[in-house]
C-alpha atoms as a PDB file:
ATOM      1  CA  MET A   1      68.683 155.277 110.028  1.00  0.00           C
ATOM      2  CA  ASP A   2      70.667 157.472 112.909  1.00  0.00           C
ATOM      3  CA  ASP A   3      74.620 157.160 111.605  1.00  0.00           C
ATOM      4  CA  ASN A   4      75.569 156.042 115.558  1.00  0.00           C
ATOM      5  CA  ARG A   5      72.666 153.389 114.759  1.00  0.00           C
ATOM      6  CA  VAL A   6      74.214 152.069 111.843  1.00  0.00           C
ATOM      7  CA  ILE A   7      78.249 152.485 113.474  1.00  0.00           C
ATOM      8  CA  GLU A   8      76.983 149.359 116.552  1.00  0.00           C
ATOM      9  CA  ILE A   9      75.302 147.874 114.137  1.00  0.00           C
ATOM     10  CA  GLU A  10      79.085 147.270 111.515  1.00  0.00           C
ATOM     11  CA  THR A  11      80.769 146.507 114.942  1.00  0.00           C
ATOM     12  CA  LYS A  12      78.516 144.347 116.599  1.00  0.00           C
ATOM     13  CA  LEU A  13      78.857 142.027 112.746  1.00  0.00           C
ATOM     14  CA  ALA A  14      82.853 142.816 112.669  1.00  0.00           C
ATOM     15  CA  HIS A  15      82.612 141.310 116.653  1.00  0.00           C
ATOM     16  CA  GLN A  16      80.257 138.419 115.578  1.00  0.00           C
ATOM     17  CA  GLU A  17      82.414 137.862 112.434  1.00  0.00           C
ATOM     18  CA  HIS A  18      85.330 137.498 114.115  1.00  0.00           C
ATOM     19  CA  LEU A  19      83.754 134.769 116.550  1.00  0.00           C
ATOM     20  CA  LEU A  20      82.940 133.365 113.417  1.00  0.00           C
ATOM     21  CA  SER A  21      85.682 132.914 112.739  1.00  0.00           C
ATOM     22  CA  LYS A  22      88.116 131.622 115.547  1.00  0.00           C
ATOM     23  CA  LEU A  23      84.658 129.454 116.308  1.00  0.00           C
ATOM     24  CA  ASN A  24      85.736 127.753 112.729  1.00  0.00           C
ATOM     25  CA  ASP A  25      89.742 127.028 113.460  1.00  0.00           C
ATOM     26  CA  ALA A  26      89.029 125.937 116.449  1.00  0.00           C
ATOM     27  CA  LEU A  27      86.197 123.834 114.942  1.00  0.00           C
ATOM     28  CA  THR A  28      88.728 123.321 112.352  1.00  0.00           C
ATOM     29  CA  ASP A  29      91.586 122.014 115.079  1.00  0.00           C
ATOM     30  CA  GLN A  30      89.296 119.386 116.802  1.00  0.00           C
ATOM     31  CA  GLN A  31      88.767 117.584 113.363  1.00  0.00           C
ATOM     32  CA  ALA A  32      92.254 116.889 112.730  1.00  0.00           C
ATOM     33  CA  GLN A  33      92.192 115.760 116.180  1.00  0.00           C
ATOM     34  CA  ILE A  34      89.937 113.681 115.897  1.00  0.00           C
ATOM     35  CA  SER A  35      90.627 111.712 112.634  1.00  0.00           C
ATOM     36  CA  GLU A  36      94.611 111.686 113.874  1.00  0.00           C
ATOM     37  CA  LEU A  37      92.896 110.048 117.075  1.00  0.00           C
ATOM     38  CA  GLU A  38      90.834 107.509 114.603  1.00  0.00           C
ATOM     39  CA  VAL A  39      93.400 106.873 113.065  1.00  0.00           C
ATOM     40  CA  PHE A  40      95.418 105.819 116.705  1.00  0.00           C
ATOM     41  CA  CYS A  41      92.035 103.445 117.609  1.00  0.00           C
ATOM     42  CA  ARG A  42      92.272 101.731 114.304  1.00  0.00           C
ATOM     43  CA  SER A  43      95.983 101.030 114.777  1.00  0.00           C
ATOM     44  CA  LEU A  44      95.751  99.788 117.884  1.00  0.00           C
ATOM     45  CA  LEU A  45      92.322  98.182 117.378  1.00  0.00           C
ATOM     46  CA  ASP A  46      94.917  95.769 114.698  1.00  0.00           C
ATOM     47  CA  ARG A  47      97.541  95.563 117.104  1.00  0.00           C
ATOM     48  CA  MET A  48      95.271  94.111 119.839  1.00  0.00           C
ATOM     49  CA  LYS A  49      93.841  91.532 116.866  1.00  0.00           C
ATOM     50  CA  SER A  50      97.483  90.923 116.223  1.00  0.00           C
ATOM     51  CA  LEU A  51      98.435  90.347 119.080  1.00  0.00           C
ATOM     52  CA  LEU A  52      95.127  87.642 120.172  1.00  0.00           C
ATOM     53  CA  ASP A  53      95.572  86.363 116.824  1.00  0.00           C
ATOM     54  CA  GLY A  54      99.192  85.142 117.937  1.00  0.00           C
ATOM     55  CA  SER A  55      98.809  84.453 121.097  1.00  0.00           C
ATOM     56  CA  SER A  56      95.862  81.865 120.203  1.00  0.00           C
ATOM     57  CA  ALA A  57      98.399  79.963 117.757  1.00  0.00           C
ATOM     58  CA  ASP A  58     100.601  79.518 120.729  1.00  0.00           C
ATOM     59  CA  GLN A  59      97.819  78.131 123.160  1.00  0.00           C
ATOM     60  CA  ALA A  60      97.174  75.596 120.710  1.00  0.00           C
ATOM     61  CA  THR A  61     100.121  73.554 121.072  1.00  0.00           C
ATOM     62  CA  ASP A  62     100.447  70.517 122.908  1.00  0.00           C
ATOM     63  CA  GLU A  63     102.666  71.954 125.000  1.00  0.00           C
ATOM     64  CA  ARG A  64     102.935  70.729 129.501  1.00  0.00           C
ATOM     65  CA  PRO A  65     102.914  73.607 131.418  1.00  0.00           C
ATOM     66  CA  PRO A  66     104.575  75.402 133.472  1.00  0.00           C
ATOM     67  CA  HIS A  67     103.715  73.120 137.304  1.00  0.00           C
ATOM     68  CA  TYR A  68     104.444  69.748 135.637  1.00  0.00           C
END
């Protein structure tokens, strides 16, 4: 094999390894963001459920509507 050909292949391989490393870092960051968003959404759902449960308990009492 020609020396220039080997150098060209090694250069391309080095660029691909660098790109793969950058893509892996981006994927890791995105997964961390997704995990944080999942926790946030779960907490919002729990909060909404607790608010809905609390409002249904308030409506169950026999109170006069404000227009009476």
